[in-house]
Protein backbone atom coordinates (compact mmCIF):
# COMPACT_ATOMS: atom_id res chain seq x y z
CA UNK A 1 97.40 91.88 98.08
CA UNK A 2 94.98 94.26 97.51
CA UNK A 3 96.95 97.60 98.96
CA UNK A 4 97.59 98.93 95.91
CA UNK A 5 96.54 99.15 92.36
CA UNK A 6 99.08 99.38 89.19
CA UNK A 7 98.62 101.09 85.93
CA UNK A 8 101.30 100.40 83.02
CA UNK A 9 102.00 102.96 80.68
CA UNK A 10 105.09 101.84 78.78
CA UNK A 11 107.91 101.07 80.82
CA UNK A 12 106.69 103.65 83.87
CA UNK A 13 104.41 101.83 86.40
CA UNK A 14 102.02 103.70 88.49
CA UNK A 15 100.52 102.37 91.84
CA UNK A 16 97.51 104.22 94.21
CA UNK A 17 96.34 102.98 97.58
CA UNK A 18 93.37 100.01 96.49
CA UNK A 19 91.51 100.85 99.60
CA UNK A 20 91.06 104.16 101.64
CA UNK A 21 91.32 102.16 105.07
CA UNK A 22 95.07 101.48 104.10
CA UNK A 23 95.72 105.27 104.71
CA UNK A 24 94.24 105.05 108.16
CA UNK A 25 96.67 102.13 108.84
CA UNK A 26 99.31 104.47 108.02
CA UNK A 27 98.43 106.92 109.70
CA UNK A 28 98.18 105.52 113.18
CA UNK A 29 101.82 104.10 112.06
CA UNK A 30 102.88 107.27 111.30
CA UNK A 31 101.75 108.75 114.11
CA UNK A 32 103.32 105.89 116.59
CA UNK A 33 106.72 105.60 114.83
CA UNK A 34 107.07 108.75 113.25
CA UNK A 35 107.04 111.72 115.94
CA UNK A 36 106.81 115.38 115.30
CA UNK A 37 110.20 116.51 115.07
CA UNK A 38 109.66 119.00 118.01
CA UNK A 39 109.68 116.00 120.24
CA UNK A 40 112.31 113.62 119.01
CA UNK A 41 115.52 113.73 121.15
CA UNK A 42 118.96 114.95 119.75
């Protein structure tokens, strides 16, 4: 809980990051688990 905020407009639900520190966590995870294409092995 608390990672995203939601807003409903009719049948559409909009999501946004609730806490900016979540973006930092995502950036660190991406750095660890998603290396640049130039470093990926074939």
